[in-house]
PDB file of all heavy atoms in Angstrom:
ATOM      1  N   GLN A   1       1.223 -58.230 -71.758  1.00  0.00           N
ATOM      2  CA  GLN A   1       1.866 -57.125 -72.442  1.00  0.00           C
ATOM      3  C   GLN A   1       1.288 -55.806 -72.050  1.00  0.00           C
ATOM      4  O   GLN A   1       1.938 -54.778 -71.991  1.00  0.00           O
ATOM      5  CB  GLN A   1       1.863 -57.336 -73.934  1.00  0.00           C
ATOM      6  CG  GLN A   1       2.719 -58.493 -74.375  1.00  0.00           C
ATOM      7  CD  GLN A   1       2.726 -58.639 -75.914  1.00  0.00           C
ATOM      8  OE1 GLN A   1       2.053 -57.904 -76.623  1.00  0.00           O
ATOM      9  NE2 GLN A   1       3.510 -59.596 -76.432  1.00  0.00           N
ATOM     10  N   SER A   2      -0.030 -55.809 -71.787  1.00  0.00           N
ATOM     11  CA  SER A   2      -0.770 -54.540 -71.523  1.00  0.00           C
ATOM     12  C   SER A   2      -1.927 -54.867 -70.571  1.00  0.00           C
ATOM     13  O   SER A   2      -2.462 -55.981 -70.555  1.00  0.00           O
ATOM     14  CB  SER A   2      -1.319 -53.955 -72.846  1.00  0.00           C
ATOM     15  OG  SER A   2      -2.314 -52.983 -72.575  1.00  0.00           O
ATOM     16  N   ASP A   3      -2.288 -53.844 -69.778  1.00  0.00           N
ATOM     17  CA  ASP A   3      -3.483 -53.962 -68.955  1.00  0.00           C
ATOM     18  C   ASP A   3      -4.683 -54.236 -69.748  1.00  0.00           C
ATOM     19  O   ASP A   3      -5.685 -54.826 -69.261  1.00  0.00           O
ATOM     20  CB  ASP A   3      -3.674 -52.699 -68.062  1.00  0.00           C
ATOM     21  CG  ASP A   3      -2.606 -52.545 -67.003  1.00  0.00           C
ATOM     22  OD1 ASP A   3      -1.833 -53.457 -66.808  1.00  0.00           O
ATOM     23  OD2 ASP A   3      -2.578 -51.438 -66.414  1.00  0.00           O
ATOM     24  N   ASN A   4      -4.705 -53.760 -70.999  1.00  0.00           N
ATOM     25  CA  ASN A   4      -5.848 -54.006 -71.933  1.00  0.00           C
ATOM     26  C   ASN A   4      -6.039 -55.476 -72.245  1.00  0.00           C
ATOM     27  O   ASN A   4      -7.036 -55.842 -72.816  1.00  0.00           O
ATOM     28  CB  ASN A   4      -5.715 -53.186 -73.175  1.00  0.00           C
ATOM     29  CG  ASN A   4      -5.746 -51.709 -72.908  1.00  0.00           C
ATOM     30  OD1 ASN A   4      -6.418 -51.211 -71.953  1.00  0.00           O
ATOM     31  ND2 ASN A   4      -5.047 -50.906 -73.716  1.00  0.00           N
ATOM     32  N   ASP A   5      -5.004 -56.331 -71.966  1.00  0.00           N
ATOM     33  CA  ASP A   5      -5.150 -57.692 -72.210  1.00  0.00           C
ATOM     34  C   ASP A   5      -6.000 -58.446 -71.138  1.00  0.00           C
ATOM     35  O   ASP A   5      -6.224 -59.642 -71.282  1.00  0.00           O
ATOM     36  CB  ASP A   5      -3.749 -58.387 -72.289  1.00  0.00           C
ATOM     37  CG  ASP A   5      -3.005 -58.021 -73.566  1.00  0.00           C
ATOM     38  OD1 ASP A   5      -3.631 -57.992 -74.592  1.00  0.00           O
ATOM     39  OD2 ASP A   5      -1.809 -57.751 -73.487  1.00  0.00           O
ATOM     40  N   ILE A   6      -6.333 -57.743 -70.128  1.00  0.00           N
ATOM     41  CA  ILE A   6      -7.175 -58.293 -69.041  1.00  0.00           C
ATOM     42  C   ILE A   6      -8.581 -57.734 -69.095  1.00  0.00           C
ATOM     43  O   ILE A   6      -8.750 -56.536 -69.113  1.00  0.00           O
ATOM     44  CB  ILE A   6      -6.556 -57.947 -67.634  1.00  0.00           C
ATOM     45  CG1 ILE A   6      -5.138 -58.444 -67.546  1.00  0.00           C
ATOM     46  CG2 ILE A   6      -7.450 -58.499 -66.540  1.00  0.00           C
ATOM     47  CD1 ILE A   6      -4.406 -58.037 -66.258  1.00  0.00           C
ATOM     48  N   THR A   7      -9.573 -58.625 -69.231  1.00  0.00           N
ATOM     49  CA  THR A   7     -10.940 -58.241 -69.304  1.00  0.00           C
ATOM     50  C   THR A   7     -11.718 -58.918 -68.194  1.00  0.00           C
ATOM     51  O   THR A   7     -11.759 -60.135 -68.127  1.00  0.00           O
ATOM     52  CB  THR A   7     -11.583 -58.594 -70.673  1.00  0.00           C
ATOM     53  OG1 THR A   7     -10.787 -58.007 -71.711  1.00  0.00           O
ATOM     54  CG2 THR A   7     -13.032 -58.144 -70.714  1.00  0.00           C
ATOM     55  N   PHE A   8     -12.378 -58.168 -67.315  1.00  0.00           N
ATOM     56  CA  PHE A   8     -13.168 -58.738 -66.260  1.00  0.00           C
ATOM     57  C   PHE A   8     -14.537 -59.171 -66.777  1.00  0.00           C
ATOM     58  O   PHE A   8     -15.236 -58.379 -67.425  1.00  0.00           O
ATOM     59  CB  PHE A   8     -13.316 -57.781 -65.087  1.00  0.00           C
ATOM     60  CG  PHE A   8     -12.245 -57.995 -64.086  1.00  0.00           C
ATOM     61  CD1 PHE A   8     -10.941 -57.490 -64.284  1.00  0.00           C
ATOM     62  CD2 PHE A   8     -12.520 -58.716 -62.899  1.00  0.00           C
ATOM     63  CE1 PHE A   8      -9.948 -57.738 -63.371  1.00  0.00           C
ATOM     64  CE2 PHE A   8     -11.508 -58.954 -62.011  1.00  0.00           C
ATOM     65  CZ  PHE A   8     -10.210 -58.448 -62.173  1.00  0.00           C
ATOM     66  N   VAL A   9     -14.877 -60.394 -66.463  1.00  0.00           N
ATOM     67  CA  VAL A   9     -16.210 -60.966 -66.887  1.00  0.00           C
ATOM     68  C   VAL A   9     -17.199 -60.793 -65.753  1.00  0.00           C
ATOM     69  O   VAL A   9     -18.387 -60.588 -65.958  1.00  0.00           O
ATOM     70  CB  VAL A   9     -16.065 -62.482 -67.205  1.00  0.00           C
ATOM     71  CG1 VAL A   9     -17.410 -63.118 -67.480  1.00  0.00           C
ATOM     72  CG2 VAL A   9     -15.076 -62.718 -68.338  1.00  0.00           C
ATOM     73  N   LYS A  10     -16.699 -60.801 -64.515  1.00  0.00           N
ATOM     74  CA  LYS A  10     -17.531 -60.640 -63.327  1.00  0.00           C
ATOM     75  C   LYS A  10     -16.720 -59.956 -62.268  1.00  0.00           C
ATOM     76  O   LYS A  10     -15.545 -60.290 -62.048  1.00  0.00           O
ATOM     77  CB  LYS A  10     -18.000 -61.989 -62.858  1.00  0.00           C
ATOM     78  CG  LYS A  10     -18.976 -61.945 -61.664  1.00  0.00           C
ATOM     79  CD  LYS A  10     -19.404 -63.357 -61.214  1.00  0.00           C
ATOM     80  CE  LYS A  10     -20.272 -63.307 -60.000  1.00  0.00           C
ATOM     81  NZ  LYS A  10     -20.554 -64.655 -59.478  1.00  0.00           N
ATOM     82  N   GLY A  11     -17.302 -59.062 -61.513  1.00  0.00           N
ATOM     83  CA  GLY A  11     -16.617 -58.400 -60.429  1.00  0.00           C
ATOM     84  C   GLY A  11     -15.950 -57.140 -60.845  1.00  0.00           C
ATOM     85  O   GLY A  11     -15.482 -57.029 -62.019  1.00  0.00           O
ATOM     86  N   ASP A  12     -15.821 -56.206 -59.981  1.00  0.00           N
ATOM     87  CA  ASP A  12     -15.164 -54.970 -60.230  1.00  0.00           C
ATOM     88  C   ASP A  12     -13.731 -54.991 -59.618  1.00  0.00           C
ATOM     89  O   ASP A  12     -13.608 -55.073 -58.407  1.00  0.00           O
ATOM     90  CB  ASP A  12     -15.945 -53.827 -59.622  1.00  0.00           C
ATOM     91  CG  ASP A  12     -15.328 -52.411 -59.834  1.00  0.00           C
ATOM     92  OD1 ASP A  12     -14.216 -52.336 -60.421  1.00  0.00           O
ATOM     93  OD2 ASP A  12     -15.913 -51.415 -59.394  1.00  0.00           O
ATOM     94  N   PRO A  13     -12.663 -54.974 -60.415  1.00  0.00           N
ATOM     95  CA  PRO A  13     -11.320 -55.022 -59.853  1.00  0.00           C
ATOM     96  C   PRO A  13     -11.018 -53.958 -58.881  1.00  0.00           C
ATOM     97  O   PRO A  13     -10.153 -54.147 -58.000  1.00  0.00           O
ATOM     98  CB  PRO A  13     -10.425 -54.980 -61.119  1.00  0.00           C
ATOM     99  CG  PRO A  13     -11.261 -54.333 -62.202  1.00  0.00           C
ATOM    100  CD  PRO A  13     -12.666 -54.822 -61.911  1.00  0.00           C
ATOM    101  N   ALA A  14     -11.745 -52.849 -58.949  1.00  0.00           N
ATOM    102  CA  ALA A  14     -11.505 -51.731 -57.989  1.00  0.00           C
ATOM    103  C   ALA A  14     -11.901 -52.154 -56.568  1.00  0.00           C
ATOM    104  O   ALA A  14     -11.520 -51.489 -55.618  1.00  0.00           O
ATOM    105  CB  ALA A  14     -12.311 -50.457 -58.442  1.00  0.00           C
ATOM    106  N   THR A  15     -12.725 -53.192 -56.446  1.00  0.00           N
ATOM    107  CA  THR A  15     -13.158 -53.620 -55.118  1.00  0.00           C
ATOM    108  C   THR A  15     -12.318 -54.740 -54.528  1.00  0.00           C
ATOM    109  O   THR A  15     -12.612 -55.217 -53.427  1.00  0.00           O
ATOM    110  CB  THR A  15     -14.662 -54.077 -55.163  1.00  0.00           C
ATOM    111  OG1 THR A  15     -14.784 -55.233 -55.992  1.00  0.00           O
ATOM    112  CG2 THR A  15     -15.506 -53.002 -55.693  1.00  0.00           C
ATOM    113  N   LEU A  16     -11.241 -55.178 -55.235  1.00  0.00           N
ATOM    114  CA  LEU A  16     -10.369 -56.133 -54.656  1.00  0.00           C
ATOM    115  C   LEU A  16      -9.644 -55.528 -53.416  1.00  0.00           C
ATOM    116  O   LEU A  16      -9.408 -54.341 -53.372  1.00  0.00           O
ATOM    117  CB  LEU A  16      -9.301 -56.553 -55.665  1.00  0.00           C
ATOM    118  CG  LEU A  16      -9.744 -57.511 -56.812  1.00  0.00           C
ATOM    119  CD1 LEU A  16      -8.749 -57.508 -57.911  1.00  0.00           C
ATOM    120  CD2 LEU A  16     -10.005 -58.927 -56.291  1.00  0.00           C
ATOM    121  N   THR A  17      -9.344 -56.382 -52.430  1.00  0.00           N
ATOM    122  CA  THR A  17      -8.567 -55.908 -51.270  1.00  0.00           C
ATOM    123  C   THR A  17      -7.123 -55.785 -51.670  1.00  0.00           C
ATOM    124  O   THR A  17      -6.588 -56.709 -52.382  1.00  0.00           O
ATOM    125  CB  THR A  17      -8.743 -56.856 -50.134  1.00  0.00           C
ATOM    126  OG1 THR A  17     -10.118 -56.860 -49.707  1.00  0.00           O
ATOM    127  CG2 THR A  17      -7.914 -56.415 -48.927  1.00  0.00           C
ATOM    128  N   SER A  18      -6.454 -54.708 -51.274  1.00  0.00           N
ATOM    129  CA  SER A  18      -5.086 -54.484 -51.653  1.00  0.00           C
ATOM    130  C   SER A  18      -4.198 -54.463 -50.417  1.00  0.00           C
ATOM    131  O   SER A  18      -4.625 -53.947 -49.364  1.00  0.00           O
ATOM    132  CB  SER A  18      -4.897 -53.155 -52.387  1.00  0.00           C
ATOM    133  OG  SER A  18      -5.514 -53.182 -53.663  1.00  0.00           O
ATOM    134  N   TYR A  19      -3.043 -55.010 -50.564  1.00  0.00           N
ATOM    135  CA  TYR A  19      -2.049 -55.049 -49.452  1.00  0.00           C
ATOM    136  C   TYR A  19      -0.713 -54.623 -50.109  1.00  0.00           C
ATOM    137  O   TYR A  19      -0.264 -55.248 -51.090  1.00  0.00           O
ATOM    138  CB  TYR A  19      -1.913 -56.377 -48.771  1.00  0.00           C
ATOM    139  CG  TYR A  19      -0.761 -56.448 -47.763  1.00  0.00           C
ATOM    140  CD1 TYR A  19      -0.846 -55.786 -46.598  1.00  0.00           C
ATOM    141  CD2 TYR A  19       0.397 -57.173 -48.070  1.00  0.00           C
ATOM    142  CE1 TYR A  19       0.185 -55.883 -45.661  1.00  0.00           C
ATOM    143  CE2 TYR A  19       1.416 -57.271 -47.169  1.00  0.00           C
ATOM    144  CZ  TYR A  19       1.292 -56.628 -45.949  1.00  0.00           C
ATOM    145  OH  TYR A  19       2.390 -56.651 -45.052  1.00  0.00           O
ATOM    146  N   SER A  20      -0.094 -53.566 -49.570  1.00  0.00           N
ATOM    147  CA  SER A  20       1.128 -53.038 -50.176  1.00  0.00           C
ATOM    148  C   SER A  20       2.342 -53.375 -49.273  1.00  0.00           C
ATOM    149  O   SER A  20       2.269 -53.298 -48.033  1.00  0.00           O
ATOM    150  CB  SER A  20       1.069 -51.536 -50.408  1.00  0.00           C
ATOM    151  OG  SER A  20       0.058 -51.235 -51.367  1.00  0.00           O
ATOM    152  N   PHE A  21       3.400 -53.769 -49.952  1.00  0.00           N
ATOM    153  CA  PHE A  21       4.673 -54.053 -49.277  1.00  0.00           C
ATOM    154  C   PHE A  21       5.761 -53.502 -50.148  1.00  0.00           C
ATOM    155  O   PHE A  21       5.949 -53.935 -51.332  1.00  0.00           O
ATOM    156  CB  PHE A  21       4.871 -55.509 -48.999  1.00  0.00           C
ATOM    157  CG  PHE A  21       6.182 -55.854 -48.371  1.00  0.00           C
ATOM    158  CD1 PHE A  21       6.542 -55.307 -47.131  1.00  0.00           C
ATOM    159  CD2 PHE A  21       7.117 -56.698 -48.978  1.00  0.00           C
ATOM    160  CE1 PHE A  21       7.770 -55.615 -46.562  1.00  0.00           C
ATOM    161  CE2 PHE A  21       8.311 -57.011 -48.424  1.00  0.00           C
ATOM    162  CZ  PHE A  21       8.711 -56.512 -47.164  1.00  0.00           C
ATOM    163  N   GLY A  22       6.542 -52.485 -49.642  1.00  0.00           N
ATOM    164  CA  GLY A  22       7.520 -51.847 -50.555  1.00  0.00           C
ATOM    165  C   GLY A  22       6.770 -51.124 -51.659  1.00  0.00           C
ATOM    166  O   GLY A  22       5.781 -50.476 -51.457  1.00  0.00           O
ATOM    167  N   ASP A  23       7.210 -51.310 -52.896  1.00  0.00           N
ATOM    168  CA  ASP A  23       6.583 -50.662 -54.041  1.00  0.00           C
ATOM    169  C   ASP A  23       5.611 -51.597 -54.739  1.00  0.00           C
ATOM    170  O   ASP A  23       5.192 -51.212 -55.854  1.00  0.00           O
ATOM    171  CB  ASP A  23       7.659 -50.201 -55.006  1.00  0.00           C
ATOM    172  CG  ASP A  23       8.597 -49.153 -54.439  1.00  0.00           C
ATOM    173  OD1 ASP A  23       8.103 -48.352 -53.621  1.00  0.00           O
ATOM    174  OD2 ASP A  23       9.802 -49.159 -54.814  1.00  0.00           O
ATOM    175  N   VAL A  24       5.250 -52.674 -54.116  1.00  0.00           N
ATOM    176  CA  VAL A  24       4.410 -53.669 -54.770  1.00  0.00           C
ATOM    177  C   VAL A  24       3.045 -53.758 -54.060  1.00  0.00           C
ATOM    178  O   VAL A  24       2.962 -53.743 -52.846  1.00  0.00           O
ATOM    179  CB  VAL A  24       5.068 -55.059 -54.745  1.00  0.00           C
ATOM    180  CG1 VAL A  24       4.171 -56.101 -55.468  1.00  0.00           C
ATOM    181  CG2 VAL A  24       6.424 -55.018 -55.431  1.00  0.00           C
ATOM    182  N   LYS A  25       1.983 -53.789 -54.917  1.00  0.00           N
ATOM    183  CA  LYS A  25       0.640 -53.961 -54.388  1.00  0.00           C
ATOM    184  C   LYS A  25       0.184 -55.332 -54.747  1.00  0.00           C
ATOM    185  O   LYS A  25       0.289 -55.798 -55.858  1.00  0.00           O
ATOM    186  CB  LYS A  25      -0.256 -52.869 -55.041  1.00  0.00           C
ATOM    187  CG  LYS A  25      -1.731 -52.917 -54.596  1.00  0.00           C
ATOM    188  CD  LYS A  25      -2.495 -51.712 -55.021  1.00  0.00           C
ATOM    189  CE  LYS A  25      -2.614 -51.643 -56.537  1.00  0.00           C
ATOM    190  NZ  LYS A  25      -3.522 -50.526 -57.010  1.00  0.00           N
ATOM    191  N   HIS A  26      -0.403 -55.982 -53.756  1.00  0.00           N
ATOM    192  CA  HIS A  26      -0.960 -57.360 -53.950  1.00  0.00           C
ATOM    193  C   HIS A  26      -2.461 -57.279 -53.750  1.00  0.00           C
ATOM    194  O   HIS A  26      -2.970 -56.720 -52.782  1.00  0.00           O
ATOM    195  CB  HIS A  26      -0.331 -58.303 -52.914  1.00  0.00           C
ATOM    196  CG  HIS A  26       1.146 -58.273 -52.906  1.00  0.00           C
ATOM    197  ND1 HIS A  26       1.922 -59.009 -53.769  1.00  0.00           N
ATOM    198  CD2 HIS A  26       2.062 -57.546 -52.121  1.00  0.00           C
ATOM    199  CE1 HIS A  26       3.211 -58.785 -53.529  1.00  0.00           C
ATOM    200  NE2 HIS A  26       3.301 -57.935 -52.567  1.00  0.00           N
ATOM    201  N   GLN A  27      -3.187 -57.939 -54.692  1.00  0.00           N
ATOM    202  CA  GLN A  27      -4.656 -57.771 -54.691  1.00  0.00           C
ATOM    203  C   GLN A  27      -5.295 -59.164 -54.546  1.00  0.00           C
ATOM    204  O   GLN A  27      -4.904 -60.087 -55.306  1.00  0.00           O
ATOM    205  CB  GLN A  27      -5.094 -57.117 -55.968  1.00  0.00           C
ATOM    206  CG  GLN A  27      -4.627 -55.624 -56.065  1.00  0.00           C
ATOM    207  CD  GLN A  27      -5.073 -55.019 -57.319  1.00  0.00           C
ATOM    208  OE1 GLN A  27      -4.826 -55.464 -58.448  1.00  0.00           O
ATOM    209  NE2 GLN A  27      -5.784 -53.885 -57.204  1.00  0.00           N
ATOM    210  N   PHE A  28      -6.272 -59.274 -53.667  1.00  0.00           N
ATOM    211  CA  PHE A  28      -6.966 -60.550 -53.442  1.00  0.00           C
ATOM    212  C   PHE A  28      -8.404 -60.354 -53.186  1.00  0.00           C
ATOM    213  O   PHE A  28      -8.881 -59.269 -52.843  1.00  0.00           O
ATOM    214  CB  PHE A  28      -6.253 -61.287 -52.299  1.00  0.00           C
ATOM    215  CG  PHE A  28      -6.304 -60.585 -50.975  1.00  0.00           C
ATOM    216  CD1 PHE A  28      -7.270 -60.853 -50.057  1.00  0.00           C
ATOM    217  CD2 PHE A  28      -5.312 -59.623 -50.590  1.00  0.00           C
ATOM    218  CE1 PHE A  28      -7.337 -60.200 -48.778  1.00  0.00           C
ATOM    219  CE2 PHE A  28      -5.311 -58.992 -49.376  1.00  0.00           C
ATOM    220  CZ  PHE A  28      -6.370 -59.288 -48.464  1.00  0.00           C
ATOM    221  N   CYS A  29      -9.162 -61.476 -53.266  1.00  0.00           N
ATOM    222  CA  CYS A  29     -10.572 -61.477 -52.933  1.00  0.00           C
ATOM    223  C   CYS A  29     -10.758 -61.506 -51.406  1.00  0.00           C
ATOM    224  O   CYS A  29     -10.242 -62.371 -50.738  1.00  0.00           O
ATOM    225  CB  CYS A  29     -11.292 -62.626 -53.599  1.00  0.00           C
ATOM    226  SG  CYS A  29     -12.970 -62.875 -53.088  1.00  0.00           S
TER     227      CYS A  29
END
């Protein structure tokens, strides 16, 4: 429902690799 429902226990989500296609961003390790 909200981004606040996701809490990282380990790792910084800002360091995920991102790949964009159209208006969608896909994030992976």
